[in-house]
Amino acid sequence: MNLLPRYTHIVNPKLKHTYLSFDNEGNLVIKSPKTSQHYIEQLLLKKSDWINRSREKLLQKKGKALDFSQQAQLYYQGQTYPLRLIEQTKKRTTLIFDQEVFLLYYHHYDEVLFQKHVDNFYKEEVKQFVPLLVEKWSRQMDLTPTNIRFQKTKRQWGSCSGKNVLSFNTMMMKLPQDVIQYIVVHELAHIQHKHHQKSFWKLVEKHIPDYKQHVTELKKYTT
């Protein structure tokens, strides 16, 4: 007897096809036009091997969402550091990083609040670290963005708008420094080339000859 995996089904009449994907926690998500339950079940049986392989690959990625109830670790610049929760009498929550361990002091156990403090740590770090890299590579590549923005996103590590505004995911501070540097060069290259064709990659390679290694490393991480 084949057991169907648990999933969330989102019906969108505007879709023409059925799509399978996973959220950051490894939960299966199905998006489709209106269709029968029988069709969904048959699709899941047909794709069962792919679903299992893809979920396993996702769960092995670095930098997954934190489970504060377990012994958690935070990624910072490509290294892992333990996260220790310390209950205190002071009615406030504070996250401290001492270069060896993250210490999260709290009065009331609140995982949503804990995650906000972690997100804020990454945000403050990226705002200090990345602009210096952008300035450095902007001079070297002779490509200047009109602005730099930072926000937490689920899909992209970075982007370049049609008006040459660079946006960076605050979660990129999980990544090794050389991978962060690659992302900066990648987005700066989009100022000149608004595509991923050969000329774009040639420009990236001119400044980071081993960029393919960084692309491979980047795929090991989840936002």
C-alpha atoms as a PDB file:
ATOM      1  CA  MET A   1       0.000   0.000   0.000  1.00  0.00           C
ATOM      2  CA  ASN A   2       1.409   3.391  -1.035  1.00  0.00           C
ATOM      3  CA  LEU A   3       1.053   6.181   1.509  1.00  0.00           C
ATOM      4  CA  LEU A   4       0.625   9.639   0.063  1.00  0.00           C
ATOM      5  CA  PRO A   5       2.814  12.402   1.506  1.00  0.00           C
ATOM      6  CA  ARG A   6       1.252  15.227   3.463  1.00  0.00           C
ATOM      7  CA  TYR A   7       0.826  18.362   1.417  1.00  0.00           C
ATOM      8  CA  THR A   8      -0.850  21.746   1.067  1.00  0.00           C
ATOM      9  CA  HIS A   9      -2.957  22.194  -2.076  1.00  0.00           C
ATOM     10  CA  ILE A  10      -3.423  25.728  -3.423  1.00  0.00           C
ATOM     11  CA  VAL A  11      -6.006  26.053  -6.212  1.00  0.00           C
ATOM     12  CA  ASN A  12      -5.461  28.920  -8.652  1.00  0.00           C
ATOM     13  CA  PRO A  13      -7.836  29.001 -11.669  1.00  0.00           C
ATOM     14  CA  LYS A  14      -5.332  31.155 -13.558  1.00  0.00           C
ATOM     15  CA  LEU A  15      -2.796  28.323 -13.672  1.00  0.00           C
ATOM     16  CA  LYS A  16      -2.650  26.036 -16.687  1.00  0.00           C
ATOM     17  CA  HIS A  17      -0.461  23.345 -15.128  1.00  0.00           C
ATOM     18  CA  THR A  18       0.175  21.702 -11.760  1.00  0.00           C
ATOM     19  CA  TYR A  19       3.355  22.581  -9.866  1.00  0.00           C
ATOM     20  CA  LEU A  20       5.062  20.800  -6.981  1.00  0.00           C
ATOM     21  CA  SER A  21       7.404  22.648  -4.633  1.00  0.00           C
ATOM     22  CA  PHE A  22       8.550  22.734  -1.010  1.00  0.00           C
ATOM     23  CA  ASP A  23       8.615  25.426   1.640  1.00  0.00           C
ATOM     24  CA  ASN A  24      11.740  26.001   3.747  1.00  0.00           C
ATOM     25  CA  GLU A  25      10.623  23.400   6.304  1.00  0.00           C
ATOM     26  CA  GLY A  26      10.373  20.674   3.652  1.00  0.00           C
ATOM     27  CA  ASN A  27       6.568  20.668   3.431  1.00  0.00           C
ATOM     28  CA  LEU A  28       5.159  19.746   0.023  1.00  0.00           C
ATOM     29  CA  VAL A  29       3.093  22.449  -1.693  1.00  0.00           C
ATOM     30  CA  ILE A  30       0.892  21.741  -4.734  1.00  0.00           C
ATOM     31  CA  LYS A  31      -0.356  24.610  -6.895  1.00  0.00           C
ATOM     32  CA  SER A  32      -2.819  23.806  -9.638  1.00  0.00           C
ATOM     33  CA  PRO A  33      -5.952  24.882 -11.487  1.00  0.00           C
ATOM     34  CA  LYS A  34      -9.167  23.278 -10.282  1.00  0.00           C
ATOM     35  CA  THR A  35      -8.698  19.541 -10.577  1.00  0.00           C
ATOM     36  CA  SER A  36      -9.906  16.289  -9.076  1.00  0.00           C
ATOM     37  CA  GLN A  37      -8.586  14.632  -5.939  1.00  0.00           C
ATOM     38  CA  HIS A  38      -7.966  11.509  -7.994  1.00  0.00           C
ATOM     39  CA  TYR A  39      -5.638  13.425 -10.326  1.00  0.00           C
ATOM     40  CA  ILE A  40      -3.672  14.827  -7.373  1.00  0.00           C
ATOM     41  CA  GLU A  41      -3.308  11.389  -5.789  1.00  0.00           C
ATOM     42  CA  GLN A  42      -2.125   9.824  -9.046  1.00  0.00           C
ATOM     43  CA  LEU A  43       0.367  12.645  -9.543  1.00  0.00           C
ATOM     44  CA  LEU A  44       1.772  12.138  -6.046  1.00  0.00           C
ATOM     45  CA  LEU A  45       2.180   8.419  -6.646  1.00  0.00           C
ATOM     46  CA  LYS A  46       3.901   9.060  -9.977  1.00  0.00           C
ATOM     47  CA  LYS A  47       6.241  11.661  -8.489  1.00  0.00           C
ATOM     48  CA  SER A  48       6.876   9.889  -5.176  1.00  0.00           C
ATOM     49  CA  ASP A  49      10.565   9.160  -5.866  1.00  0.00           C
ATOM     50  CA  TRP A  50      11.204  12.772  -6.957  1.00  0.00           C
ATOM     51  CA  ILE A  51       9.332  14.106  -3.921  1.00  0.00           C
ATOM     52  CA  ASN A  52      11.404  12.013  -1.499  1.00  0.00           C
ATOM     53  CA  ARG A  53      14.717  12.926  -3.146  1.00  0.00           C
ATOM     54  CA  SER A  54      13.882  16.610  -3.328  1.00  0.00           C
ATOM     55  CA  ARG A  55      12.697  16.806   0.278  1.00  0.00           C
ATOM     56  CA  GLU A  56      15.830  15.050   1.530  1.00  0.00           C
ATOM     57  CA  LYS A  57      18.026  17.404  -0.479  1.00  0.00           C
ATOM     58  CA  LEU A  58      16.199  20.441   0.915  1.00  0.00           C
ATOM     59  CA  LEU A  59      16.430  19.255   4.521  1.00  0.00           C
ATOM     60  CA  GLN A  60      20.179  18.827   4.151  1.00  0.00           C
ATOM     61  CA  LYS A  61      20.610  22.473   3.195  1.00  0.00           C
ATOM     62  CA  LYS A  62      22.438  24.799   5.532  1.00  0.00           C
ATOM     63  CA  GLY A  63      20.754  27.718   7.282  1.00  0.00           C
ATOM     64  CA  LYS A  64      17.279  26.202   7.623  1.00  0.00           C
ATOM     65  CA  ALA A  65      14.598  27.798   9.788  1.00  0.00           C
ATOM     66  CA  LEU A  66      15.418  27.541  13.483  1.00  0.00           C
ATOM     67  CA  ASP A  67      13.746  25.217  15.952  1.00  0.00           C
ATOM     68  CA  PHE A  68      14.258  27.026  19.245  1.00  0.00           C
ATOM     69  CA  SER A  69      12.989  24.056  21.243  1.00  0.00           C
ATOM     70  CA  GLN A  70      16.004  22.005  20.123  1.00  0.00           C
ATOM     71  CA  GLN A  71      19.743  22.629  20.327  1.00  0.00           C
ATOM     72  CA  ALA A  72      19.904  25.223  17.576  1.00  0.00           C
ATOM     73  CA  GLN A  73      22.818  26.573  15.590  1.00  0.00           C
ATOM     74  CA  LEU A  74      23.132  29.829  13.686  1.00  0.00           C
ATOM     75  CA  TYR A  75      25.091  30.238  10.484  1.00  0.00           C
ATOM     76  CA  TYR A  76      27.176  33.389  10.282  1.00  0.00           C
ATOM     77  CA  GLN A  77      29.577  34.057   7.402  1.00  0.00           C
ATOM     78  CA  GLY A  78      29.657  30.361   6.541  1.00  0.00           C
ATOM     79  CA  GLN A  79      30.411  29.112  10.068  1.00  0.00           C
ATOM     80  CA  THR A  80      28.057  27.487  12.562  1.00  0.00           C
ATOM     81  CA  TYR A  81      27.744  28.750  16.126  1.00  0.00           C
ATOM     82  CA  PRO A  82      25.607  27.305  18.930  1.00  0.00           C
ATOM     83  CA  LEU A  83      22.581  29.283  20.051  1.00  0.00           C
ATOM     84  CA  ARG A  84      21.973  29.134  23.786  1.00  0.00           C
ATOM     85  CA  LEU A  85      18.727  30.283  25.353  1.00  0.00           C
ATOM     86  CA  ILE A  86      19.108  31.748  28.848  1.00  0.00           C
ATOM     87  CA  GLU A  87      16.075  32.584  30.953  1.00  0.00           C
ATOM     88  CA  GLN A  88      16.423  35.736  33.036  1.00  0.00           C
ATOM     89  CA  THR A  89      14.378  37.879  35.435  1.00  0.00           C
ATOM     90  CA  LYS A  90      14.727  41.015  33.326  1.00  0.00           C
ATOM     91  CA  LYS A  91      11.606  41.511  31.239  1.00  0.00           C
ATOM     92  CA  ARG A  92      13.324  41.823  27.904  1.00  0.00           C
ATOM     93  CA  THR A  93      14.843  39.719  25.149  1.00  0.00           C
ATOM     94  CA  THR A  94      18.434  40.257  24.005  1.00  0.00           C
ATOM     95  CA  LEU A  95      20.603  38.442  21.464  1.00  0.00           C
ATOM     96  CA  ILE A  96      24.380  38.662  21.923  1.00  0.00           C
ATOM     97  CA  PHE A  97      27.116  37.198  19.715  1.00  0.00           C
ATOM     98  CA  ASP A  98      30.561  36.867  21.321  1.00  0.00           C
ATOM     99  CA  GLN A  99      32.366  35.381  18.278  1.00  0.00           C
ATOM    100  CA  GLU A 100      31.995  31.851  19.682  1.00  0.00           C
ATOM    101  CA  VAL A 101      28.348  31.470  20.656  1.00  0.00           C
ATOM    102  CA  PHE A 102      25.005  33.264  20.307  1.00  0.00           C
ATOM    103  CA  LEU A 103      23.368  33.980  23.659  1.00  0.00           C
ATOM    104  CA  LEU A 104      19.649  34.736  23.667  1.00  0.00           C
ATOM    105  CA  TYR A 105      18.465  36.101  27.016  1.00  0.00           C
ATOM    106  CA  TYR A 106      14.715  36.032  27.565  1.00  0.00           C
ATOM    107  CA  HIS A 107      12.063  36.443  30.250  1.00  0.00           C
ATOM    108  CA  HIS A 108       9.110  34.972  28.396  1.00  0.00           C
ATOM    109  CA  TYR A 109       9.526  32.101  25.904  1.00  0.00           C
ATOM    110  CA  ASP A 110       8.330  33.479  22.563  1.00  0.00           C
ATOM    111  CA  GLU A 111       9.694  31.876  19.390  1.00  0.00           C
ATOM    112  CA  VAL A 112       8.250  34.595  17.148  1.00  0.00           C
ATOM    113  CA  LEU A 113      10.095  37.230  19.182  1.00  0.00           C
ATOM    114  CA  PHE A 114      13.257  35.112  19.190  1.00  0.00           C
ATOM    115  CA  GLN A 115      13.169  34.881  15.389  1.00  0.00           C
ATOM    116  CA  LYS A 116      12.737  38.666  15.143  1.00  0.00           C
ATOM    117  CA  HIS A 117      15.919  39.160  17.155  1.00  0.00           C
ATOM    118  CA  VAL A 118      17.826  36.713  14.942  1.00  0.00           C
ATOM    119  CA  ASP A 119      16.503  38.427  11.802  1.00  0.00           C
ATOM    120  CA  ASN A 120      17.473  41.817  13.196  1.00  0.00           C
ATOM    121  CA  PHE A 121      21.001  40.575  13.928  1.00  0.00           C
ATOM    122  CA  TYR A 122      21.455  39.515  10.308  1.00  0.00           C
ATOM    123  CA  LYS A 123      19.931  42.763   9.063  1.00  0.00           C
ATOM    124  CA  GLU A 124      22.250  44.962  11.098  1.00  0.00           C
ATOM    125  CA  GLU A 125      25.272  42.898  10.070  1.00  0.00           C
ATOM    126  CA  VAL A 126      24.450  42.973   6.360  1.00  0.00           C
ATOM    127  CA  LYS A 127      23.943  46.758   6.462  1.00  0.00           C
ATOM    128  CA  GLN A 128      27.464  47.105   7.839  1.00  0.00           C
ATOM    129  CA  PHE A 129      29.195  44.489   5.709  1.00  0.00           C
ATOM    130  CA  VAL A 130      27.697  44.592   2.210  1.00  0.00           C
ATOM    131  CA  PRO A 131      27.832  48.340   1.366  1.00  0.00           C
ATOM    132  CA  LEU A 132      31.618  48.216   1.759  1.00  0.00           C
ATOM    133  CA  LEU A 133      31.764  45.329  -0.706  1.00  0.00           C
ATOM    134  CA  VAL A 134      29.474  47.142  -3.126  1.00  0.00           C
ATOM    135  CA  GLU A 135      31.690  50.218  -2.936  1.00  0.00           C
ATOM    136  CA  LYS A 136      34.823  48.143  -3.543  1.00  0.00           C
ATOM    137  CA  TRP A 137      33.480  46.199  -6.510  1.00  0.00           C
ATOM    138  CA  SER A 138      31.606  49.157  -7.938  1.00  0.00           C
ATOM    139  CA  ARG A 139      34.928  50.972  -8.353  1.00  0.00           C
ATOM    140  CA  GLN A 140      36.657  47.900  -9.746  1.00  0.00           C
ATOM    141  CA  MET A 141      33.879  47.088 -12.245  1.00  0.00           C
ATOM    142  CA  ASP A 142      33.075  50.728 -13.015  1.00  0.00           C
ATOM    143  CA  LEU A 143      29.399  50.017 -12.405  1.00  0.00           C
ATOM    144  CA  THR A 144      27.451  52.136  -9.929  1.00  0.00           C
ATOM    145  CA  PRO A 145      24.039  51.266  -8.469  1.00  0.00           C
ATOM    146  CA  THR A 146      21.491  54.023  -7.900  1.00  0.00           C
ATOM    147  CA  ASN A 147      20.667  52.664  -4.436  1.00  0.00           C
ATOM    148  CA  ILE A 148      21.113  49.653  -2.147  1.00  0.00           C
ATOM    149  CA  ARG A 149      18.282  48.031  -0.239  1.00  0.00           C
ATOM    150  CA  PHE A 150      18.064  45.189   2.265  1.00  0.00           C
ATOM    151  CA  GLN A 151      15.165  42.919   3.130  1.00  0.00           C
ATOM    152  CA  LYS A 152      14.478  39.351   4.166  1.00  0.00           C
ATOM    153  CA  THR A 153      13.129  37.328   1.251  1.00  0.00           C
ATOM    154  CA  LYS A 154      12.309  33.654   0.748  1.00  0.00           C
ATOM    155  CA  ARG A 155      13.632  33.161  -2.781  1.00  0.00           C
ATOM    156  CA  GLN A 156      16.352  35.514  -3.957  1.00  0.00           C
ATOM    157  CA  TRP A 157      19.730  36.319  -2.444  1.00  0.00           C
ATOM    158  CA  GLY A 158      19.941  39.512  -4.478  1.00  0.00           C
ATOM    159  CA  SER A 159      18.427  41.429  -7.389  1.00  0.00           C
ATOM    160  CA  CYS A 160      19.018  44.418  -9.632  1.00  0.00           C
ATOM    161  CA  SER A 161      16.074  46.506 -10.786  1.00  0.00           C
ATOM    162  CA  GLY A 162      15.640  48.144 -14.165  1.00  0.00           C
ATOM    163  CA  LYS A 163      16.702  51.395 -12.502  1.00  0.00           C
ATOM    164  CA  ASN A 164      19.866  49.743 -11.136  1.00  0.00           C
ATOM    165  CA  VAL A 165      18.728  49.531  -7.531  1.00  0.00           C
ATOM    166  CA  LEU A 166      20.459  46.586  -5.853  1.00  0.00           C
ATOM    167  CA  SER A 167      18.490  44.600  -3.289  1.00  0.00           C
ATOM    168  CA  PHE A 168      20.116  42.058  -0.990  1.00  0.00           C
ATOM    169  CA  ASN A 169      18.582  39.418   1.234  1.00  0.00           C
ATOM    170  CA  THR A 170      19.511  40.082   4.867  1.00  0.00           C
ATOM    171  CA  MET A 171      19.880  36.311   5.320  1.00  0.00           C
ATOM    172  CA  MET A 172      22.968  36.380   3.095  1.00  0.00           C
ATOM    173  CA  MET A 173      25.016  36.947   6.247  1.00  0.00           C
ATOM    174  CA  LYS A 174      24.637  33.185   6.786  1.00  0.00           C
ATOM    175  CA  LEU A 175      26.908  32.663   3.777  1.00  0.00           C
ATOM    176  CA  PRO A 176      30.716  32.496   3.543  1.00  0.00           C
ATOM    177  CA  GLN A 177      32.355  35.845   2.786  1.00  0.00           C
ATOM    178  CA  ASP A 178      33.530  34.825  -0.677  1.00  0.00           C
ATOM    179  CA  VAL A 179      30.004  33.725  -1.596  1.00  0.00           C
ATOM    180  CA  ILE A 180      28.609  37.050  -0.372  1.00  0.00           C
ATOM    181  CA  GLN A 181      31.223  38.754  -2.517  1.00  0.00           C
ATOM    182  CA  TYR A 182      30.104  36.704  -5.520  1.00  0.00           C
ATOM    183  CA  ILE A 183      26.481  37.791  -5.001  1.00  0.00           C
ATOM    184  CA  VAL A 184      27.574  41.450  -4.947  1.00  0.00           C
ATOM    185  CA  VAL A 185      29.543  41.057  -8.190  1.00  0.00           C
ATOM    186  CA  HIS A 186      26.635  39.134  -9.736  1.00  0.00           C
ATOM    187  CA  GLU A 187      24.150  41.916  -9.046  1.00  0.00           C
ATOM    188  CA  LEU A 188      26.552  44.673 -10.093  1.00  0.00           C
ATOM    189  CA  ALA A 189      27.039  42.839 -13.402  1.00  0.00           C
ATOM    190  CA  HIS A 190      23.295  43.140 -13.976  1.00  0.00           C
ATOM    191  CA  ILE A 191      23.713  46.906 -14.215  1.00  0.00           C
ATOM    192  CA  GLN A 192      25.439  46.268 -17.527  1.00  0.00           C
ATOM    193  CA  HIS A 193      23.633  43.072 -18.567  1.00  0.00           C
ATOM    194  CA  LYS A 194      19.945  42.611 -17.665  1.00  0.00           C
ATOM    195  CA  HIS A 195      20.045  38.885 -18.408  1.00  0.00           C
ATOM    196  CA  HIS A 196      21.983  35.684 -17.736  1.00  0.00           C
ATOM    197  CA  GLN A 197      23.386  35.196 -21.192  1.00  0.00           C
ATOM    198  CA  LYS A 198      27.008  34.497 -22.111  1.00  0.00           C
ATOM    199  CA  SER A 199      28.110  38.140 -21.948  1.00  0.00           C
ATOM    200  CA  PHE A 200      26.801  38.428 -18.399  1.00  0.00           C
ATOM    201  CA  TRP A 201      28.685  35.378 -17.130  1.00  0.00           C
ATOM    202  CA  LYS A 202      31.815  36.486 -18.980  1.00  0.00           C
ATOM    203  CA  LEU A 203      31.750  39.751 -17.015  1.00  0.00           C
ATOM    204  CA  VAL A 204      31.249  37.899 -13.727  1.00  0.00           C
ATOM    205  CA  GLU A 205      34.092  35.524 -14.549  1.00  0.00           C
ATOM    206  CA  LYS A 206      36.379  38.432 -15.404  1.00  0.00           C
ATOM    207  CA  HIS A 207      36.179  39.612 -11.797  1.00  0.00           C
ATOM    208  CA  ILE A 208      35.626  36.253 -10.041  1.00  0.00           C
ATOM    209  CA  PRO A 209      37.298  33.519 -12.122  1.00  0.00           C
ATOM    210  CA  ASP A 210      36.149  30.732  -9.756  1.00  0.00           C
ATOM    211  CA  TYR A 211      32.541  31.988  -9.543  1.00  0.00           C
ATOM    212  CA  LYS A 212      31.169  28.525 -10.394  1.00  0.00           C
ATOM    213  CA  GLN A 213      32.519  27.208  -7.093  1.00  0.00           C
ATOM    214  CA  HIS A 214      30.581  29.921  -5.273  1.00  0.00           C
ATOM    215  CA  VAL A 215      27.415  29.090  -7.226  1.00  0.00           C
ATOM    216  CA  THR A 216      27.782  25.466  -6.115  1.00  0.00           C
ATOM    217  CA  GLU A 217      28.328  26.484  -2.485  1.00  0.00           C
ATOM    218  CA  LEU A 218      25.358  28.854  -2.611  1.00  0.00           C
ATOM    219  CA  LYS A 219      23.052  25.991  -3.575  1.00  0.00           C
ATOM    220  CA  LYS A 220      23.877  24.293  -0.254  1.00  0.00           C
ATOM    221  CA  TYR A 221      22.146  27.098   1.665  1.00  0.00           C
ATOM    222  CA  THR A 222      18.527  28.024   2.093  1.00  0.00           C
ATOM    223  CA  THR A 223      17.295  31.555   2.674  1.00  0.00           C
END
